[in-house]
Amino acid sequence: MDTFRDFKRYADQLAETARWAAGKGWAPATSTNYSVRLPDEAAPAICAITASGVDKEHLDPADVVAIDSDGRPMNGHPLKPSAETFLHLMLYRRENMGAVLHTHSVAGALLSRSAEAVGHLTLSGWELLKGLDGIDRHDCEVRLPIFPNSQDIAGLAALIEPCLPRSEPCYGFLLAGHGLYVWGKDLSDAKRHLEVFEYLLQCEREVRSHGHNTGA
């Protein structure tokens, strides 16, 4: 589907990212979803997003759907956009949001449950924190907010939107018992943030499994 002349390039990159995440073990069954903001010339399309119910290990560019600000597929695309489309659209209302990636790793699911009552997961002291935009030292703290999971995605988006900080850096959040959402100014940036957080979540999981706690 050619929503605009460069759509295939965006679809190719998004499909490649989805297959990469699946290869890491972060996309079991047909779970997870990925999107990238489209340029102004694609209007009224806002972003390209992976289709619902597709195995990400074998996701093809044809499984990427361009949607408008109401989540409607463009040009009569036959596939249904991700069931979590409204979370992506909510995030694209924020400034400098170029891509949104959502994974279902074991570490993310477990830690989101164990820290749900606190409402956030604090990551500190890890060298790889320097992989996040604007961070140049390991001795800092980064908080991942944790929100309750819900099948009412529109309602969940409305709950989360006012709770995300705007006066300080925010790179992602966890849904309890569900998974991780991260973003960046472009797809490459978001992919790096995803790899950083998935690595740190695994580190935190290992540390805590041995009876230590590096932060709530």
Protein backbone atom coordinates (compact mmCIF):
# COMPACT_ATOMS: atom_id res chain seq x y z
CA MET A 1 0.00 0.00 0.00
CA ASP A 2 1.49 3.34 -1.04
CA THR A 3 0.05 6.01 1.26
CA PHE A 4 2.80 8.31 -0.01
CA ARG A 5 5.86 7.74 -2.10
CA ASP A 6 8.22 6.71 0.73
CA PHE A 7 5.78 4.54 2.69
CA LYS A 8 7.51 1.29 1.72
CA ARG A 9 10.76 2.52 3.26
CA TYR A 10 9.02 3.15 6.59
CA ALA A 11 7.20 -0.20 6.40
CA ASP A 12 10.44 -2.04 5.62
CA GLN A 13 12.21 -0.47 8.60
CA LEU A 14 9.33 -1.18 10.98
CA ALA A 15 9.01 -4.79 9.83
CA GLU A 16 12.75 -5.28 10.27
CA THR A 17 12.53 -3.87 13.82
CA ALA A 18 9.64 -6.19 14.70
CA ARG A 19 11.55 -9.24 13.41
CA TRP A 20 14.64 -8.12 15.34
CA ALA A 21 12.64 -7.86 18.60
CA ALA A 22 11.10 -11.28 17.99
CA GLY A 23 14.58 -12.72 17.47
CA LYS A 24 15.53 -11.40 20.91
CA GLY A 25 12.66 -13.36 22.47
CA TRP A 26 10.65 -10.25 23.31
CA ALA A 27 7.60 -11.02 21.13
CA PRO A 28 6.06 -14.41 22.05
CA ALA A 29 3.11 -15.73 20.03
CA THR A 30 1.57 -12.81 18.10
CA SER A 31 2.15 -10.26 20.87
CA THR A 32 3.82 -6.82 20.76
CA ASN A 33 3.38 -3.83 18.48
CA TYR A 34 5.59 -1.25 16.83
CA SER A 35 4.98 2.08 15.12
CA VAL A 36 6.81 4.98 13.50
CA ARG A 37 5.61 8.53 12.89
CA LEU A 38 5.07 9.41 9.25
CA PRO A 39 6.10 12.77 7.73
CA ASP A 40 3.64 15.59 7.13
CA GLU A 41 3.29 14.66 3.47
CA ALA A 42 1.57 11.43 4.53
CA ALA A 43 -1.35 13.34 6.13
CA PRO A 44 -3.96 12.48 7.15
CA ALA A 45 -1.92 9.42 8.14
CA ILE A 46 -0.19 9.95 11.50
CA CYS A 47 1.91 6.82 11.82
CA ALA A 48 2.60 3.36 10.47
CA ILE A 49 1.86 0.52 12.90
CA THR A 50 2.10 -3.25 12.84
CA ALA A 51 -1.11 -5.16 12.20
CA SER A 52 -2.96 -7.11 14.89
CA GLY A 53 -2.51 -10.86 15.26
CA VAL A 54 0.65 -11.22 13.16
CA ASP A 55 3.61 -13.35 14.25
CA LYS A 56 6.39 -10.76 14.54
CA GLU A 57 9.09 -13.29 13.69
CA HIS A 58 7.68 -13.41 10.16
CA LEU A 59 6.22 -9.92 9.91
CA ASP A 60 6.34 -8.54 6.39
CA PRO A 61 6.15 -4.88 5.26
CA ALA A 62 2.66 -5.72 3.92
CA ASP A 63 1.67 -6.25 7.58
CA VAL A 64 2.33 -2.58 8.38
CA VAL A 65 -0.71 -0.28 8.33
CA ALA A 66 -0.84 3.51 7.97
CA ILE A 67 -3.46 5.02 10.30
CA ASP A 68 -5.00 8.43 10.90
CA SER A 69 -5.43 10.22 14.24
CA ASP A 70 -8.57 8.17 14.98
CA GLY A 71 -6.79 4.87 14.35
CA ARG A 72 -8.47 4.22 11.01
CA PRO A 73 -6.45 2.38 8.32
CA MET A 74 -5.69 4.43 5.25
CA ASN A 75 -6.60 3.52 1.67
CA GLY A 76 -8.83 0.64 2.71
CA HIS A 77 -6.03 -1.51 4.09
CA PRO A 78 -7.55 -4.95 4.77
CA LEU A 79 -5.60 -5.66 7.97
CA LYS A 80 -6.60 -4.41 11.41
CA PRO A 81 -4.09 -2.16 13.20
CA SER A 82 -2.67 -3.31 16.54
CA ALA A 83 -5.20 -3.70 19.33
CA GLU A 84 -3.13 -1.19 21.31
CA THR A 85 -3.23 1.51 18.65
CA PHE A 86 -4.69 4.13 20.98
CA LEU A 87 -1.66 3.92 23.27
CA HIS A 88 0.57 4.71 20.31
CA LEU A 89 -1.65 7.59 19.19
CA MET A 90 -1.64 8.98 22.74
CA LEU A 91 2.16 8.98 22.74
CA TYR A 92 2.36 10.70 19.35
CA ARG A 93 0.65 13.69 20.92
CA ARG A 94 3.87 14.27 22.86
CA GLU A 95 6.71 16.36 21.44
CA ASN A 96 9.70 14.75 19.68
CA MET A 97 7.96 11.38 19.44
CA GLY A 98 9.21 9.59 16.33
CA ALA A 99 8.66 5.89 17.10
CA VAL A 100 7.00 3.70 19.74
CA LEU A 101 8.01 0.10 20.44
CA HIS A 102 6.23 -2.37 22.75
CA THR A 103 7.63 -5.73 23.89
CA HIS A 104 6.59 -8.66 26.10
CA SER A 105 9.82 -9.93 27.65
CA VAL A 106 9.76 -12.22 30.67
CA ALA A 107 11.82 -9.73 32.69
CA GLY A 108 9.47 -6.86 31.87
CA ALA A 109 6.35 -8.85 32.74
CA LEU A 110 7.75 -10.13 36.06
CA LEU A 111 9.25 -6.85 37.28
CA SER A 112 6.13 -4.91 36.33
CA ARG A 113 4.13 -7.19 38.62
CA SER A 114 6.60 -7.18 41.51
CA ALA A 115 6.85 -3.36 41.60
CA GLU A 116 3.23 -2.62 40.66
CA ALA A 117 2.26 -1.50 44.16
CA VAL A 118 5.09 1.05 44.21
CA GLY A 119 3.99 2.44 40.86
CA HIS A 120 7.42 2.63 39.27
CA LEU A 121 10.68 0.77 38.77
CA THR A 122 13.89 2.65 39.61
CA LEU A 123 17.01 1.85 37.60
CA SER A 124 20.28 3.19 38.98
CA GLY A 125 23.99 2.46 38.95
CA TRP A 126 24.00 0.57 35.65
CA GLU A 127 26.56 1.59 33.03
CA LEU A 128 24.11 1.03 30.18
CA LEU A 129 21.90 3.86 31.44
CA LYS A 130 24.27 5.98 29.35
CA GLY A 131 22.58 4.52 26.28
CA LEU A 132 19.54 6.71 26.97
CA ASP A 133 19.34 10.16 25.40
CA GLY A 134 20.70 12.89 27.64
CA ILE A 135 22.38 10.59 30.17
CA ASP A 136 26.17 10.57 30.39
CA ARG A 137 26.82 8.89 33.76
CA HIS A 138 25.90 5.64 35.45
CA ASP A 139 25.30 7.12 38.93
CA CYS A 140 21.85 8.47 38.21
CA GLU A 141 18.27 7.27 38.55
CA VAL A 142 15.78 6.58 35.82
CA ARG A 143 12.20 5.75 36.74
CA LEU A 144 9.93 3.60 34.63
CA PRO A 145 6.32 4.32 35.61
CA ILE A 146 4.12 1.24 36.04
CA PHE A 147 0.42 1.33 35.19
CA PRO A 148 -2.26 -1.32 35.73
CA ASN A 149 -3.07 -3.41 32.71
CA SER A 150 -6.49 -3.13 31.06
CA GLN A 151 -8.25 -4.43 27.97
CA ASP A 152 -9.92 -1.02 27.61
CA ILE A 153 -7.09 0.51 25.60
CA ALA A 154 -8.77 3.87 25.01
CA GLY A 155 -9.44 4.16 28.75
CA LEU A 156 -5.90 3.06 29.55
CA ALA A 157 -4.48 5.73 27.23
CA ALA A 158 -6.62 8.37 28.95
CA LEU A 159 -5.33 7.19 32.35
CA ILE A 160 -1.66 7.17 31.36
CA GLU A 161 -1.43 10.39 29.33
CA PRO A 162 -1.66 12.92 32.21
CA CYS A 163 0.62 10.81 34.42
CA LEU A 164 3.66 10.80 32.15
CA PRO A 165 6.19 13.45 33.20
CA ARG A 166 6.82 16.33 30.81
CA SER A 167 9.31 18.43 32.80
CA GLU A 168 11.89 15.63 33.03
CA PRO A 169 13.11 12.94 30.64
CA CYS A 170 10.72 10.01 30.22
CA TYR A 171 11.69 7.12 27.97
CA GLY A 172 8.98 4.55 28.57
CA PHE A 173 6.62 2.80 30.96
CA LEU A 174 5.57 -0.68 32.03
CA LEU A 175 2.09 -2.19 32.05
CA ALA A 176 1.73 -4.55 34.98
CA GLY A 177 1.92 -8.21 34.00
CA HIS A 178 2.03 -7.12 30.38
CA GLY A 179 5.17 -5.49 29.04
CA LEU A 180 7.31 -2.49 28.17
CA TYR A 181 6.61 0.59 26.06
CA VAL A 182 9.53 2.76 24.94
CA TRP A 183 9.95 5.57 22.44
CA GLY A 184 12.45 7.90 20.83
CA LYS A 185 12.82 10.81 18.45
CA ASP A 186 13.14 8.34 15.56
CA LEU A 187 13.09 4.59 15.01
CA SER A 188 16.82 4.17 15.60
CA ASP A 189 16.59 6.12 18.86
CA ALA A 190 13.61 4.08 20.07
CA LYS A 191 15.32 0.82 19.15
CA ARG A 192 18.38 1.77 21.19
CA HIS A 193 16.19 2.69 24.17
CA LEU A 194 14.39 -0.62 23.87
CA GLU A 195 17.63 -2.59 23.89
CA VAL A 196 18.92 -0.59 26.88
CA PHE A 197 15.77 -1.14 28.93
CA GLU A 198 15.41 -4.82 28.09
CA TYR A 199 19.03 -5.39 29.13
CA LEU A 200 18.54 -3.45 32.38
CA LEU A 201 15.28 -5.25 33.17
CA GLN A 202 17.09 -8.56 32.79
CA CYS A 203 19.89 -7.31 35.08
CA GLU A 204 17.35 -6.20 37.69
CA ARG A 205 15.55 -9.51 37.48
CA GLU A 206 18.79 -11.45 38.03
CA VAL A 207 19.85 -9.25 40.95
CA ARG A 208 16.48 -9.54 42.66
CA SER A 209 16.32 -13.29 42.14
CA HIS A 210 19.43 -13.52 44.33
CA GLY A 211 17.81 -11.60 47.16
CA HIS A 212 19.06 -8.10 46.38
CA ASN A 213 17.01 -5.05 45.51
CA THR A 214 18.62 -2.10 43.74
CA GLY A 215 15.54 0.11 44.02
CA ALA A 216 11.75 0.05 43.97
